[in-house]
Protein backbone atom coordinates (compact mmCIF):
# COMPACT_ATOMS: atom_id res chain seq x y z
CA MET A 1 22.80 -79.16 70.72
CA MET A 2 19.63 -79.09 68.97
CA PHE A 3 20.94 -78.46 65.47
CA LEU A 4 22.96 -82.72 66.77
CA HIS A 5 19.16 -84.17 67.58
CA LEU A 6 17.92 -83.03 64.47
CA ILE A 7 20.75 -84.38 61.98
CA ILE A 8 20.76 -87.81 64.52
CA LEU A 9 16.95 -88.00 63.69
CA ALA A 10 17.17 -87.09 59.83
CA ILE A 11 19.96 -90.00 59.88
CA SER A 12 17.80 -92.01 61.83
CA ALA A 13 15.03 -91.46 59.88
CA LEU A 14 16.61 -92.73 56.49
CA LEU A 15 18.26 -95.30 57.98
CA GLY A 16 14.69 -96.84 58.99
CA LEU A 17 13.11 -96.20 55.29
CA VAL A 18 16.55 -97.81 53.73
CA PHE A 19 16.26 -100.85 55.69
CA ALA A 20 12.57 -101.16 55.11
CA TYR A 21 13.09 -100.78 51.17
CA PHE A 22 15.93 -103.96 51.79
CA ALA A 23 13.31 -105.27 53.90
CA ILE A 24 11.30 -105.31 51.05
CA VAL A 25 12.85 -106.27 47.88
CA GLU A 26 15.54 -109.18 50.07
CA GLU A 27 14.06 -112.95 48.33
CA ASP A 28 16.14 -114.27 50.90
CA LEU A 29 13.56 -114.42 53.99
CA LEU A 30 15.79 -114.43 57.50
CA LYS A 31 17.48 -111.31 55.89
CA ALA A 32 14.28 -109.42 55.37
CA VAL A 33 13.46 -110.03 58.97
CA ILE A 34 16.99 -108.91 60.05
CA TYR A 35 16.09 -105.58 57.84
CA SER A 36 13.37 -105.16 59.37
CA ALA A 37 14.71 -105.19 62.78
CA GLY A 38 16.94 -102.75 61.93
CA GLN A 39 14.61 -100.50 60.81
CA ALA A 40 12.55 -101.29 64.02
CA VAL A 41 15.81 -100.20 65.75
CA ALA A 42 16.32 -96.60 63.62
CA TYR A 43 12.31 -96.07 64.33
CA SER A 44 13.28 -96.77 67.71
CA ILE A 45 16.49 -93.81 67.85
CA VAL A 46 13.55 -91.35 66.58
CA PHE A 47 11.17 -92.20 68.97
CA TYR A 48 13.84 -91.78 71.70
CA ILE A 49 14.84 -88.36 69.87
CA LEU A 50 11.42 -87.09 69.61
CA MET A 51 11.19 -87.46 73.88
CA ALA A 52 8.57 -90.39 73.47
CA PRO A 53 9.13 -92.72 76.58
CA ASP A 54 6.51 -94.62 76.47
CA VAL A 55 6.17 -95.37 72.73
CA LEU A 56 9.54 -95.99 72.76
CA LEU A 57 9.29 -98.62 75.40
CA ALA A 58 6.18 -100.66 73.39
CA TYR A 59 8.37 -100.00 69.79
CA ILE A 60 10.84 -102.22 71.35
CA ALA A 61 8.90 -104.89 73.01
CA ILE A 62 7.17 -105.61 70.15
CA ALA A 63 8.98 -104.82 66.96
CA VAL A 64 12.26 -105.68 68.01
CA GLY A 65 11.56 -108.41 70.10
CA ILE A 66 8.34 -110.29 69.83
CA TYR A 67 7.73 -109.66 65.89
CA THR A 68 11.16 -110.62 65.11
CA ALA A 69 11.60 -114.19 67.38
CA LEU A 70 7.96 -114.74 65.61
CA LEU A 71 8.82 -114.82 62.09
CA VAL A 72 12.69 -116.07 62.52
CA PHE A 73 10.29 -119.17 64.28
CA VAL A 74 7.53 -119.00 61.45
CA ILE A 75 10.66 -118.66 58.71
CA SER A 76 12.43 -121.91 60.79
CA LYS A 77 9.06 -124.12 59.70
CA THR A 78 9.01 -123.16 56.02
CA GLU A 79 11.50 -122.24 52.94
CA ARG A 80 13.91 -119.71 53.92
CA LYS A 81 13.86 -118.20 49.78
CA GLU A 82 11.45 -116.98 48.67
CA VAL A 83 9.57 -118.51 45.70
CA ILE A 84 8.70 -116.08 42.78
CA SER A 85 6.25 -118.22 40.25
């Protein structure tokens, strides 16, 4: 059973890193926020596997909920695509 937890932990951590990379290189800001939310969900799974429920609940509320909603609201008031000059 412990081996399964380690596999899930490694996959979630790797998935979080992949989502973080996609969020950084994405030019569409809305897609970048979605990738960032995916990264937050992956790290939430990591916190769950590491048995940190207090950190998990705070992280889900802030990173997945408030942070994502705030950024989507701000992007709706600006340009969706990032302009690189």
